[in-house]
mmCIF file of all heavy atoms, coordinates in Angstrom:
data_MODEL
# 
_entry.id   MODEL 
# 
loop_
_atom_site.group_PDB 
_atom_site.id 
_atom_site.type_symbol 
_atom_site.label_atom_id 
_atom_site.label_alt_id 
_atom_site.label_comp_id 
_atom_site.label_asym_id 
_atom_site.label_entity_id 
_atom_site.label_seq_id 
_atom_site.pdbx_PDB_ins_code 
_atom_site.Cartn_x 
_atom_site.Cartn_y 
_atom_site.Cartn_z 
_atom_site.occupancy 
_atom_site.B_iso_or_equiv 
_atom_site.pdbx_formal_charge 
_atom_site.auth_seq_id 
_atom_site.auth_comp_id 
_atom_site.auth_asym_id 
_atom_site.auth_atom_id 
_atom_site.pdbx_PDB_model_num 
ATOM 1   N N   . VAL A 1 1  ? 126.534 77.441 63.142 1.00 0.00 ? 1  VAL A N   1 
ATOM 2   C CA  . VAL A 1 1  ? 126.092 76.281 63.912 1.00 0.00 ? 1  VAL A CA  1 
ATOM 3   C C   . VAL A 1 1  ? 124.807 75.736 63.270 1.00 0.00 ? 1  VAL A C   1 
ATOM 4   O O   . VAL A 1 1  ? 124.658 74.541 63.041 1.00 0.00 ? 1  VAL A O   1 
ATOM 5   C CB  . VAL A 1 1  ? 125.756 76.670 65.335 1.00 0.00 ? 1  VAL A CB  1 
ATOM 6   C CG1 . VAL A 1 1  ? 125.101 75.522 66.091 1.00 0.00 ? 1  VAL A CG1 1 
ATOM 7   C CG2 . VAL A 1 1  ? 126.986 77.099 66.067 1.00 0.00 ? 1  VAL A CG2 1 
ATOM 8   N N   . TRP A 1 2  ? 123.939 76.623 62.934 1.00 0.00 ? 2  TRP A N   1 
ATOM 9   C CA  . TRP A 1 2  ? 122.614 76.321 62.415 1.00 0.00 ? 2  TRP A CA  1 
ATOM 10  C C   . TRP A 1 2  ? 122.113 77.611 61.819 1.00 0.00 ? 2  TRP A C   1 
ATOM 11  O O   . TRP A 1 2  ? 122.462 78.699 62.262 1.00 0.00 ? 2  TRP A O   1 
ATOM 12  C CB  . TRP A 1 2  ? 121.732 75.887 63.603 1.00 0.00 ? 2  TRP A CB  1 
ATOM 13  C CG  . TRP A 1 2  ? 120.265 75.658 63.398 1.00 0.00 ? 2  TRP A CG  1 
ATOM 14  C CD1 . TRP A 1 2  ? 119.374 76.566 62.968 1.00 0.00 ? 2  TRP A CD1 1 
ATOM 15  C CD2 . TRP A 1 2  ? 119.538 74.470 63.651 1.00 0.00 ? 2  TRP A CD2 1 
ATOM 16  N NE1 . TRP A 1 2  ? 118.128 76.025 62.929 1.00 0.00 ? 2  TRP A NE1 1 
ATOM 17  C CE2 . TRP A 1 2  ? 118.187 74.700 63.358 1.00 0.00 ? 2  TRP A CE2 1 
ATOM 18  C CE3 . TRP A 1 2  ? 119.893 73.225 64.138 1.00 0.00 ? 2  TRP A CE3 1 
ATOM 19  C CZ2 . TRP A 1 2  ? 117.208 73.776 63.518 1.00 0.00 ? 2  TRP A CZ2 1 
ATOM 20  C CZ3 . TRP A 1 2  ? 118.896 72.261 64.302 1.00 0.00 ? 2  TRP A CZ3 1 
ATOM 21  C CH2 . TRP A 1 2  ? 117.562 72.520 63.991 1.00 0.00 ? 2  TRP A CH2 1 
ATOM 22  N N   . ALA A 1 3  ? 121.323 77.523 60.806 1.00 0.00 ? 3  ALA A N   1 
ATOM 23  C CA  . ALA A 1 3  ? 120.689 78.711 60.220 1.00 0.00 ? 3  ALA A CA  1 
ATOM 24  C C   . ALA A 1 3  ? 119.356 78.312 59.620 1.00 0.00 ? 3  ALA A C   1 
ATOM 25  O O   . ALA A 1 3  ? 119.177 77.156 59.215 1.00 0.00 ? 3  ALA A O   1 
ATOM 26  C CB  . ALA A 1 3  ? 121.603 79.370 59.198 1.00 0.00 ? 3  ALA A CB  1 
ATOM 27  N N   . GLY A 1 4  ? 118.440 79.269 59.554 1.00 0.00 ? 4  GLY A N   1 
ATOM 28  C CA  . GLY A 1 4  ? 117.158 78.950 58.968 1.00 0.00 ? 4  GLY A CA  1 
ATOM 29  C C   . GLY A 1 4  ? 116.192 80.117 58.994 1.00 0.00 ? 4  GLY A C   1 
ATOM 30  O O   . GLY A 1 4  ? 116.489 81.137 59.576 1.00 0.00 ? 4  GLY A O   1 
ATOM 31  N N   . ALA A 1 5  ? 115.066 79.909 58.329 1.00 0.00 ? 5  ALA A N   1 
ATOM 32  C CA  . ALA A 1 5  ? 114.055 80.933 58.209 1.00 0.00 ? 5  ALA A CA  1 
ATOM 33  C C   . ALA A 1 5  ? 112.749 80.384 58.771 1.00 0.00 ? 5  ALA A C   1 
ATOM 34  O O   . ALA A 1 5  ? 112.503 79.169 58.784 1.00 0.00 ? 5  ALA A O   1 
ATOM 35  C CB  . ALA A 1 5  ? 113.856 81.375 56.747 1.00 0.00 ? 5  ALA A CB  1 
ATOM 36  N N   . GLY A 1 6  ? 111.909 81.302 59.232 1.00 0.00 ? 6  GLY A N   1 
ATOM 37  C CA  . GLY A 1 6  ? 110.605 80.919 59.780 1.00 0.00 ? 6  GLY A CA  1 
ATOM 38  C C   . GLY A 1 6  ? 109.632 82.076 59.651 1.00 0.00 ? 6  GLY A C   1 
ATOM 39  O O   . GLY A 1 6  ? 109.874 83.057 58.952 1.00 0.00 ? 6  GLY A O   1 
ATOM 40  N N   . LEU A 1 7  ? 108.499 81.940 60.359 1.00 0.00 ? 7  LEU A N   1 
ATOM 41  C CA  . LEU A 1 7  ? 107.415 82.884 60.269 1.00 0.00 ? 7  LEU A CA  1 
ATOM 42  C C   . LEU A 1 7  ? 107.252 83.694 61.532 1.00 0.00 ? 7  LEU A C   1 
ATOM 43  O O   . LEU A 1 7  ? 107.419 83.174 62.625 1.00 0.00 ? 7  LEU A O   1 
ATOM 44  C CB  . LEU A 1 7  ? 106.123 82.165 59.938 1.00 0.00 ? 7  LEU A CB  1 
ATOM 45  C CG  . LEU A 1 7  ? 106.122 81.348 58.651 1.00 0.00 ? 7  LEU A CG  1 
ATOM 46  C CD1 . LEU A 1 7  ? 104.845 80.495 58.536 1.00 0.00 ? 7  LEU A CD1 1 
ATOM 47  C CD2 . LEU A 1 7  ? 106.291 82.210 57.424 1.00 0.00 ? 7  LEU A CD2 1 
ATOM 48  N N   . LEU A 1 8  ? 106.936 84.977 61.376 1.00 0.00 ? 8  LEU A N   1 
ATOM 49  C CA  . LEU A 1 8  ? 106.569 85.821 62.496 1.00 0.00 ? 8  LEU A CA  1 
ATOM 50  C C   . LEU A 1 8  ? 105.072 85.779 62.640 1.00 0.00 ? 8  LEU A C   1 
ATOM 51  O O   . LEU A 1 8  ? 104.355 86.437 61.857 1.00 0.00 ? 8  LEU A O   1 
ATOM 52  C CB  . LEU A 1 8  ? 107.085 87.239 62.257 1.00 0.00 ? 8  LEU A CB  1 
ATOM 53  C CG  . LEU A 1 8  ? 106.877 88.247 63.415 1.00 0.00 ? 8  LEU A CG  1 
ATOM 54  C CD1 . LEU A 1 8  ? 107.685 87.798 64.646 1.00 0.00 ? 8  LEU A CD1 1 
ATOM 55  C CD2 . LEU A 1 8  ? 107.296 89.638 62.956 1.00 0.00 ? 8  LEU A CD2 1 
ATOM 56  N N   . ARG A 1 9  ? 104.609 84.991 63.583 1.00 0.00 ? 9  ARG A N   1 
ATOM 57  C CA  . ARG A 1 9  ? 103.157 84.691 63.714 1.00 0.00 ? 9  ARG A CA  1 
ATOM 58  C C   . ARG A 1 9  ? 102.661 85.118 65.075 1.00 0.00 ? 9  ARG A C   1 
ATOM 59  O O   . ARG A 1 9  ? 103.368 84.999 66.089 1.00 0.00 ? 9  ARG A O   1 
ATOM 60  C CB  . ARG A 1 9  ? 102.959 83.190 63.587 1.00 0.00 ? 9  ARG A CB  1 
ATOM 61  C CG  . ARG A 1 9  ? 101.938 82.746 62.587 1.00 0.00 ? 9  ARG A CG  1 
ATOM 62  C CD  . ARG A 1 9  ? 101.787 81.261 62.574 1.00 0.00 ? 9  ARG A CD  1 
ATOM 63  N NE  . ARG A 1 9  ? 101.119 80.836 61.374 1.00 0.00 ? 9  ARG A NE  1 
ATOM 64  C CZ  . ARG A 1 9  ? 101.538 79.945 60.517 1.00 0.00 ? 9  ARG A CZ  1 
ATOM 65  N NH1 . ARG A 1 9  ? 102.698 79.289 60.761 1.00 0.00 ? 9  ARG A NH1 1 
ATOM 66  N NH2 . ARG A 1 9  ? 100.862 79.606 59.455 1.00 0.00 ? 9  ARG A NH2 1 
ATOM 67  N N   . ASP A 1 10 ? 101.432 85.629 65.130 1.00 0.00 ? 10 ASP A N   1 
ATOM 68  C CA  . ASP A 1 10 ? 100.840 85.908 66.430 1.00 0.00 ? 10 ASP A CA  1 
ATOM 69  C C   . ASP A 1 10 ? 100.039 84.731 66.936 1.00 0.00 ? 10 ASP A C   1 
ATOM 70  O O   . ASP A 1 10 ? 99.996  83.688 66.245 1.00 0.00 ? 10 ASP A O   1 
ATOM 71  C CB  . ASP A 1 10 ? 99.986  87.211 66.400 1.00 0.00 ? 10 ASP A CB  1 
ATOM 72  C CG  . ASP A 1 10 ? 98.814  87.143 65.458 1.00 0.00 ? 10 ASP A CG  1 
ATOM 73  O OD1 . ASP A 1 10 ? 98.322  85.997 65.177 1.00 0.00 ? 10 ASP A OD1 1 
ATOM 74  O OD2 . ASP A 1 10 ? 98.339  88.188 64.959 1.00 0.00 ? 10 ASP A OD2 1 
ATOM 75  N N   . ASN A 1 11 ? 99.439  84.853 68.117 1.00 0.00 ? 11 ASN A N   1 
ATOM 76  C CA  . ASN A 1 11 ? 98.759  83.673 68.682 1.00 0.00 ? 11 ASN A CA  1 
ATOM 77  C C   . ASN A 1 11 ? 97.410  83.375 68.040 1.00 0.00 ? 11 ASN A C   1 
ATOM 78  O O   . ASN A 1 11 ? 96.770  82.386 68.390 1.00 0.00 ? 11 ASN A O   1 
ATOM 79  C CB  . ASN A 1 11 ? 98.610  83.831 70.178 1.00 0.00 ? 11 ASN A CB  1 
ATOM 80  C CG  . ASN A 1 11 ? 97.872  85.090 70.581 1.00 0.00 ? 11 ASN A CG  1 
ATOM 81  O OD1 . ASN A 1 11 ? 97.352  85.827 69.738 1.00 0.00 ? 11 ASN A OD1 1 
ATOM 82  N ND2 . ASN A 1 11 ? 97.868  85.385 71.890 1.00 0.00 ? 11 ASN A ND2 1 
ATOM 83  N N   . GLU A 1 12 ? 96.990  84.194 67.060 1.00 0.00 ? 12 GLU A N   1 
ATOM 84  C CA  . GLU A 1 12 ? 95.808  83.853 66.274 1.00 0.00 ? 12 GLU A CA  1 
ATOM 85  C C   . GLU A 1 12 ? 96.174  83.127 64.970 1.00 0.00 ? 12 GLU A C   1 
ATOM 86  O O   . GLU A 1 12 ? 95.312  82.794 64.182 1.00 0.00 ? 12 GLU A O   1 
ATOM 87  C CB  . GLU A 1 12 ? 95.003  85.122 65.958 1.00 0.00 ? 12 GLU A CB  1 
ATOM 88  C CG  . GLU A 1 12 ? 94.399  85.774 67.169 1.00 0.00 ? 12 GLU A CG  1 
ATOM 89  C CD  . GLU A 1 12 ? 93.636  87.055 66.867 1.00 0.00 ? 12 GLU A CD  1 
ATOM 90  O OE1 . GLU A 1 12 ? 93.768  87.537 65.703 1.00 0.00 ? 12 GLU A OE1 1 
ATOM 91  O OE2 . GLU A 1 12 ? 92.928  87.542 67.740 1.00 0.00 ? 12 GLU A OE2 1 
ATOM 92  N N   . GLY A 1 13 ? 97.476  82.986 64.753 1.00 0.00 ? 13 GLY A N   1 
ATOM 93  C CA  . GLY A 1 13 ? 97.958  82.314 63.535 1.00 0.00 ? 13 GLY A CA  1 
ATOM 94  C C   . GLY A 1 13 ? 98.213  83.244 62.398 1.00 0.00 ? 13 GLY A C   1 
ATOM 95  O O   . GLY A 1 13 ? 98.687  82.833 61.342 1.00 0.00 ? 13 GLY A O   1 
ATOM 96  N N   . THR A 1 14 ? 97.998  84.521 62.576 1.00 0.00 ? 14 THR A N   1 
ATOM 97  C CA  . THR A 1 14 ? 98.249  85.500 61.522 1.00 0.00 ? 14 THR A CA  1 
ATOM 98  C C   . THR A 1 14 ? 99.749  85.677 61.291 1.00 0.00 ? 14 THR A C   1 
ATOM 99  O O   . THR A 1 14 ? 100.507 85.854 62.215 1.00 0.00 ? 14 THR A O   1 
ATOM 100 C CB  . THR A 1 14 ? 97.639  86.888 61.859 1.00 0.00 ? 14 THR A CB  1 
ATOM 101 O OG1 . THR A 1 14 ? 96.221  86.707 62.107 1.00 0.00 ? 14 THR A OG1 1 
ATOM 102 C CG2 . THR A 1 14 ? 97.850  87.903 60.748 1.00 0.00 ? 14 THR A CG2 1 
ATOM 103 N N   . ILE A 1 15 ? 100.139 85.632 60.012 1.00 0.00 ? 15 ILE A N   1 
ATOM 104 C CA  . ILE A 1 15 ? 101.556 85.793 59.669 1.00 0.00 ? 15 ILE A CA  1 
ATOM 105 C C   . ILE A 1 15 ? 101.831 87.274 59.415 1.00 0.00 ? 15 ILE A C   1 
ATOM 106 O O   . ILE A 1 15 ? 101.188 87.918 58.611 1.00 0.00 ? 15 ILE A O   1 
ATOM 107 C CB  . ILE A 1 15 ? 101.888 84.964 58.422 1.00 0.00 ? 15 ILE A CB  1 
ATOM 108 C CG1 . ILE A 1 15 ? 101.690 83.469 58.710 1.00 0.00 ? 15 ILE A CG1 1 
ATOM 109 C CG2 . ILE A 1 15 ? 103.328 85.207 57.961 1.00 0.00 ? 15 ILE A CG2 1 
ATOM 110 C CD1 . ILE A 1 15 ? 101.827 82.562 57.470 1.00 0.00 ? 15 ILE A CD1 1 
ATOM 111 N N   . HIS A 1 16 ? 102.848 87.788 60.114 1.00 0.00 ? 16 HIS A N   1 
ATOM 112 C CA  . HIS A 1 16 ? 103.224 89.179 59.997 1.00 0.00 ? 16 HIS A CA  1 
ATOM 113 C C   . HIS A 1 16 ? 104.535 89.365 59.213 1.00 0.00 ? 16 HIS A C   1 
ATOM 114 O O   . HIS A 1 16 ? 105.014 90.504 59.108 1.00 0.00 ? 16 HIS A O   1 
ATOM 115 C CB  . HIS A 1 16 ? 103.349 89.809 61.374 1.00 0.00 ? 16 HIS A CB  1 
ATOM 116 C CG  . HIS A 1 16 ? 102.034 89.928 62.107 1.00 0.00 ? 16 HIS A CG  1 
ATOM 117 N ND1 . HIS A 1 16 ? 101.174 90.962 61.902 1.00 0.00 ? 16 HIS A ND1 1 
ATOM 118 C CD2 . HIS A 1 16 ? 101.446 89.058 62.951 1.00 0.00 ? 16 HIS A CD2 1 
ATOM 119 C CE1 . HIS A 1 16 ? 100.085 90.778 62.634 1.00 0.00 ? 16 HIS A CE1 1 
ATOM 120 N NE2 . HIS A 1 16 ? 100.221 89.666 63.304 1.00 0.00 ? 16 HIS A NE2 1 
ATOM 121 N N   . GLY A 1 17 ? 105.076 88.306 58.737 1.00 0.00 ? 17 GLY A N   1 
ATOM 122 C CA  . GLY A 1 17 ? 106.311 88.402 57.962 1.00 0.00 ? 17 GLY A CA  1 
ATOM 123 C C   . GLY A 1 17 ? 107.199 87.143 58.119 1.00 0.00 ? 17 GLY A C   1 
ATOM 124 O O   . GLY A 1 17 ? 106.784 86.188 58.828 1.00 0.00 ? 17 GLY A O   1 
ATOM 125 N N   . ARG A 1 18 ? 108.301 87.176 57.486 1.00 0.00 ? 18 ARG A N   1 
ATOM 126 C CA  . ARG A 1 18 ? 109.256 86.066 57.604 1.00 0.00 ? 18 ARG A CA  1 
ATOM 127 C C   . ARG A 1 18 ? 110.530 86.577 58.258 1.00 0.00 ? 18 ARG A C   1 
ATOM 128 O O   . ARG A 1 18 ? 111.014 87.677 57.969 1.00 0.00 ? 18 ARG A O   1 
ATOM 129 C CB  . ARG A 1 18 ? 109.546 85.477 56.226 1.00 0.00 ? 18 ARG A CB  1 
ATOM 130 C CG  . ARG A 1 18 ? 108.360 84.816 55.578 1.00 0.00 ? 18 ARG A CG  1 
ATOM 131 C CD  . ARG A 1 18 ? 108.702 84.072 54.337 1.00 0.00 ? 18 ARG A CD  1 
ATOM 132 N NE  . ARG A 1 18 ? 107.539 83.344 53.805 1.00 0.00 ? 18 ARG A NE  1 
ATOM 133 C CZ  . ARG A 1 18 ? 107.567 82.494 52.779 1.00 0.00 ? 18 ARG A CZ  1 
ATOM 134 N NH1 . ARG A 1 18 ? 108.721 82.263 52.167 1.00 0.00 ? 18 ARG A NH1 1 
ATOM 135 N NH2 . ARG A 1 18 ? 106.464 81.889 52.365 1.00 0.00 ? 18 ARG A NH2 1 
ATOM 136 N N   . THR A 1 19 ? 111.072 85.760 59.122 1.00 0.00 ? 19 THR A N   1 
ATOM 137 C CA  . THR A 1 19 ? 112.339 86.088 59.816 1.00 0.00 ? 19 THR A CA  1 
ATOM 138 C C   . THR A 1 19 ? 113.341 84.952 59.502 1.00 0.00 ? 19 THR A C   1 
ATOM 139 O O   . THR A 1 19 ? 112.966 83.866 59.068 1.00 0.00 ? 19 THR A O   1 
ATOM 140 C CB  . THR A 1 19 ? 112.149 86.206 61.331 1.00 0.00 ? 19 THR A CB  1 
ATOM 141 O OG1 . THR A 1 19 ? 111.705 84.928 61.852 1.00 0.00 ? 19 THR A OG1 1 
ATOM 142 C CG2 . THR A 1 19 ? 111.147 87.289 61.642 1.00 0.00 ? 19 THR A CG2 1 
ATOM 143 N N   . ALA A 1 20 ? 114.586 85.261 59.745 1.00 0.00 ? 20 ALA A N   1 
ATOM 144 C CA  . ALA A 1 20 ? 115.646 84.240 59.610 1.00 0.00 ? 20 ALA A CA  1 
ATOM 145 C C   . ALA A 1 20 ? 116.749 84.533 60.614 1.00 0.00 ? 20 ALA A C   1 
ATOM 146 O O   . ALA A 1 20 ? 116.818 85.617 61.191 1.00 0.00 ? 20 ALA A O   1 
ATOM 147 C CB  . ALA A 1 20 ? 116.212 84.289 58.187 1.00 0.00 ? 20 ALA A CB  1 
ATOM 148 N N   . PHE A 1 21 ? 117.580 83.554 60.811 1.00 0.00 ? 21 PHE A N   1 
ATOM 149 C CA  . PHE A 1 21 ? 118.692 83.725 61.747 1.00 0.00 ? 21 PHE A CA  1 
ATOM 150 C C   . PHE A 1 21 ? 119.873 82.901 61.268 1.00 0.00 ? 21 PHE A C   1 
ATOM 151 O O   . PHE A 1 21 ? 119.730 81.919 60.544 1.00 0.00 ? 21 PHE A O   1 
ATOM 152 C CB  . PHE A 1 21 ? 118.310 83.281 63.169 1.00 0.00 ? 21 PHE A CB  1 
ATOM 153 C CG  . PHE A 1 21 ? 118.259 81.793 63.322 1.00 0.00 ? 21 PHE A CG  1 
ATOM 154 C CD1 . PHE A 1 21 ? 119.305 81.082 63.841 1.00 0.00 ? 21 PHE A CD1 1 
ATOM 155 C CD2 . PHE A 1 21 ? 117.121 81.053 62.945 1.00 0.00 ? 21 PHE A CD2 1 
ATOM 156 C CE1 . PHE A 1 21 ? 119.295 79.717 63.967 1.00 0.00 ? 21 PHE A CE1 1 
ATOM 157 C CE2 . PHE A 1 21 ? 117.098 79.691 63.108 1.00 0.00 ? 21 PHE A CE2 1 
ATOM 158 C CZ  . PHE A 1 21 ? 118.164 79.011 63.603 1.00 0.00 ? 21 PHE A CZ  1 
ATOM 159 N N   . ARG A 1 22 ? 121.017 83.332 61.635 1.00 0.00 ? 22 ARG A N   1 
ATOM 160 C CA  . ARG A 1 22 ? 122.249 82.590 61.514 1.00 0.00 ? 22 ARG A CA  1 
ATOM 161 C C   . ARG A 1 22 ? 122.857 82.389 62.901 1.00 0.00 ? 22 ARG A C   1 
ATOM 162 O O   . ARG A 1 22 ? 123.216 83.361 63.576 1.00 0.00 ? 22 ARG A O   1 
ATOM 163 C CB  . ARG A 1 22 ? 123.295 83.318 60.654 1.00 0.00 ? 22 ARG A CB  1 
ATOM 164 C CG  . ARG A 1 22 ? 122.960 83.396 59.163 1.00 0.00 ? 22 ARG A CG  1 
ATOM 165 C CD  . ARG A 1 22 ? 124.107 84.096 58.425 1.00 0.00 ? 22 ARG A CD  1 
ATOM 166 N NE  . ARG A 1 22 ? 125.377 83.471 58.763 1.00 0.00 ? 22 ARG A NE  1 
ATOM 167 C CZ  . ARG A 1 22 ? 126.524 84.131 58.882 1.00 0.00 ? 22 ARG A CZ  1 
ATOM 168 N NH1 . ARG A 1 22 ? 126.547 85.459 58.700 1.00 0.00 ? 22 ARG A NH1 1 
ATOM 169 N NH2 . ARG A 1 22 ? 127.649 83.494 59.170 1.00 0.00 ? 22 ARG A NH2 1 
ATOM 170 N N   . GLY A 1 23 ? 122.957 81.145 63.347 1.00 0.00 ? 23 GLY A N   1 
ATOM 171 C CA  . GLY A 1 23 ? 123.582 80.888 64.610 1.00 0.00 ? 23 GLY A CA  1 
ATOM 172 C C   . GLY A 1 23 ? 125.086 80.858 64.426 1.00 0.00 ? 23 GLY A C   1 
ATOM 173 O O   . GLY A 1 23 ? 125.676 79.845 64.106 1.00 0.00 ? 23 GLY A O   1 
ATOM 174 N N   . VAL A 1 24 ? 125.724 82.029 64.648 1.00 0.00 ? 24 VAL A N   1 
ATOM 175 C CA  . VAL A 1 24 ? 127.157 82.122 64.377 1.00 0.00 ? 24 VAL A CA  1 
ATOM 176 C C   . VAL A 1 24 ? 127.984 81.517 65.516 1.00 0.00 ? 24 VAL A C   1 
ATOM 177 O O   . VAL A 1 24 ? 129.155 81.274 65.376 1.00 0.00 ? 24 VAL A O   1 
ATOM 178 C CB  . VAL A 1 24 ? 127.595 83.571 64.133 1.00 0.00 ? 24 VAL A CB  1 
ATOM 179 C CG1 . VAL A 1 24 ? 126.924 84.125 62.910 1.00 0.00 ? 24 VAL A CG1 1 
ATOM 180 C CG2 . VAL A 1 24 ? 127.275 84.446 65.359 1.00 0.00 ? 24 VAL A CG2 1 
# 
């Protein structure tokens, strides 16, 4: 349906990694 990648961020803006998903 949709797929993409984004950032795993906390509320201080710190990036803890990258995540992705596939909307199957």
